[in-house]
């Protein structure tokens, strides 16, 4: 999950941080420091926070989460 779902957010914010000369090290801090107001950035930040929260819930309930079946993922998203 980390590589397939979270890394695009992480790497995207790394690139924007380099472009905008931001020095924050965590992705959440990079989102917060980002001054861009494009709707895509704002939506990405919301989605990233939701994914981090879900990952924490899964970790708490299931232990280490290394794989999530895409069909199960869709059901979980639709149920919320």
C-alpha atoms as a PDB file:
ATOM      1  CA  UNK A   1       0.000   0.000   0.000  1.00  0.00           C
ATOM      2  CA  UNK A   2       2.752   2.390   0.913  1.00  0.00           C
ATOM      3  CA  UNK A   3       4.503   2.126  -2.431  1.00  0.00           C
ATOM      4  CA  UNK A   4       1.446   2.064  -4.644  1.00  0.00           C
ATOM      5  CA  UNK A   5      -0.844   4.475  -2.825  1.00  0.00           C
ATOM      6  CA  UNK A   6       1.225   6.827  -0.680  1.00  0.00           C
ATOM      7  CA  UNK A   7       4.431   7.208  -2.706  1.00  0.00           C
ATOM      8  CA  UNK A   8       2.792   9.231  -5.525  1.00  0.00           C
ATOM      9  CA  UNK A   9       1.730  11.832  -2.937  1.00  0.00           C
ATOM     10  CA  UNK A  10       5.120  11.770  -1.229  1.00  0.00           C
ATOM     11  CA  UNK A  11       7.106  12.057  -4.448  1.00  0.00           C
ATOM     12  CA  UNK A  12       4.807  14.710  -5.892  1.00  0.00           C
ATOM     13  CA  UNK A  13       5.246  16.884  -2.828  1.00  0.00           C
ATOM     14  CA  UNK A  14       9.006  16.291  -2.891  1.00  0.00           C
ATOM     15  CA  UNK A  15       9.118  17.679  -6.417  1.00  0.00           C
ATOM     16  CA  UNK A  16       6.984  20.700  -5.518  1.00  0.00           C
ATOM     17  CA  UNK A  17       9.123  21.308  -2.432  1.00  0.00           C
ATOM     18  CA  UNK A  18      12.256  21.319  -4.565  1.00  0.00           C
ATOM     19  CA  UNK A  19      10.652  23.647  -7.082  1.00  0.00           C
ATOM     20  CA  UNK A  20       9.376  26.020  -4.384  1.00  0.00           C
ATOM     21  CA  UNK A  21      12.489  25.769  -2.160  1.00  0.00           C
ATOM     22  CA  UNK A  22      10.613  24.292   0.805  1.00  0.00           C
ATOM     23  CA  UNK A  23      12.740  22.544   3.397  1.00  0.00           C
ATOM     24  CA  UNK A  24      10.133  20.593   5.372  1.00  0.00           C
ATOM     25  CA  UNK A  25      10.937  16.904   5.571  1.00  0.00           C
ATOM     26  CA  UNK A  26       7.546  15.266   6.104  1.00  0.00           C
ATOM     27  CA  UNK A  27       4.893  15.161   3.408  1.00  0.00           C
ATOM     28  CA  UNK A  28       2.256  16.574   5.759  1.00  0.00           C
ATOM     29  CA  UNK A  29       4.552  19.493   6.597  1.00  0.00           C
ATOM     30  CA  UNK A  30       5.211  20.047   2.899  1.00  0.00           C
ATOM     31  CA  UNK A  31       1.483  20.210   2.231  1.00  0.00           C
ATOM     32  CA  UNK A  32       1.081  22.728   5.069  1.00  0.00           C
ATOM     33  CA  UNK A  33       4.006  24.884   3.896  1.00  0.00           C
ATOM     34  CA  UNK A  34       2.811  24.836   0.312  1.00  0.00           C
ATOM     35  CA  UNK A  35       1.304  28.185  -0.722  1.00  0.00           C
ATOM     36  CA  UNK A  36      -0.346  26.841  -3.854  1.00  0.00           C
ATOM     37  CA  UNK A  37      -4.125  27.083  -3.909  1.00  0.00           C
ATOM     38  CA  UNK A  38      -4.895  24.945  -6.963  1.00  0.00           C
ATOM     39  CA  UNK A  39      -7.831  22.673  -6.271  1.00  0.00           C
ATOM     40  CA  UNK A  40      -5.735  19.613  -7.177  1.00  0.00           C
ATOM     41  CA  UNK A  41      -3.245  20.383  -4.402  1.00  0.00           C
ATOM     42  CA  UNK A  42      -5.986  21.059  -1.855  1.00  0.00           C
ATOM     43  CA  UNK A  43      -7.789  17.832  -2.782  1.00  0.00           C
ATOM     44  CA  UNK A  44      -4.524  15.863  -2.736  1.00  0.00           C
ATOM     45  CA  UNK A  45      -3.827  17.106   0.782  1.00  0.00           C
ATOM     46  CA  UNK A  46      -7.271  15.997   1.977  1.00  0.00           C
ATOM     47  CA  UNK A  47      -6.889  12.606   0.294  1.00  0.00           C
ATOM     48  CA  UNK A  48      -3.413  12.092   1.719  1.00  0.00           C
ATOM     49  CA  UNK A  49      -4.613  12.855   5.249  1.00  0.00           C
ATOM     50  CA  UNK A  50      -7.520  10.429   4.842  1.00  0.00           C
ATOM     51  CA  UNK A  51      -5.191   7.706   3.592  1.00  0.00           C
ATOM     52  CA  UNK A  52      -2.807   8.229   6.500  1.00  0.00           C
ATOM     53  CA  UNK A  53      -5.713   8.015   8.951  1.00  0.00           C
ATOM     54  CA  UNK A  54      -7.045   4.853   7.287  1.00  0.00           C
ATOM     55  CA  UNK A  55      -3.590   3.291   7.296  1.00  0.00           C
ATOM     56  CA  UNK A  56      -3.271   4.008  11.017  1.00  0.00           C
ATOM     57  CA  UNK A  57      -6.681   2.407  11.656  1.00  0.00           C
ATOM     58  CA  UNK A  58      -5.759  -0.678   9.645  1.00  0.00           C
ATOM     59  CA  UNK A  59      -2.439  -0.963  11.418  1.00  0.00           C
ATOM     60  CA  UNK A  60      -4.177  -0.727  14.786  1.00  0.00           C
ATOM     61  CA  UNK A  61      -6.881  -3.226  13.887  1.00  0.00           C
ATOM     62  CA  UNK A  62      -4.958  -5.636  11.685  1.00  0.00           C
ATOM     63  CA  UNK A  63      -1.310  -5.216  12.509  1.00  0.00           C
ATOM     64  CA  UNK A  64       1.108  -4.429   9.705  1.00  0.00           C
ATOM     65  CA  UNK A  65      -0.705  -3.794   6.423  1.00  0.00           C
ATOM     66  CA  UNK A  66       1.380  -4.723   3.410  1.00  0.00           C
ATOM     67  CA  UNK A  67      -1.315  -5.473   0.850  1.00  0.00           C
ATOM     68  CA  UNK A  68      -4.889  -4.358   0.357  1.00  0.00           C
ATOM     69  CA  UNK A  69      -6.992  -6.101  -2.267  1.00  0.00           C
ATOM     70  CA  UNK A  70      -8.242  -3.414  -4.702  1.00  0.00           C
ATOM     71  CA  UNK A  71     -11.798  -4.785  -4.484  1.00  0.00           C
ATOM     72  CA  UNK A  72     -11.715  -4.514  -0.675  1.00  0.00           C
ATOM     73  CA  UNK A  73     -10.271  -0.999  -0.985  1.00  0.00           C
ATOM     74  CA  UNK A  74     -13.188   0.067  -3.195  1.00  0.00           C
ATOM     75  CA  UNK A  75     -15.715  -1.374  -0.724  1.00  0.00           C
ATOM     76  CA  UNK A  76     -14.047   0.447   2.193  1.00  0.00           C
ATOM     77  CA  UNK A  77     -14.052   3.767   0.311  1.00  0.00           C
ATOM     78  CA  UNK A  78     -17.686   3.406  -0.732  1.00  0.00           C
ATOM     79  CA  UNK A  79     -18.782   2.530   2.821  1.00  0.00           C
ATOM     80  CA  UNK A  80     -17.422   5.832   4.155  1.00  0.00           C
END
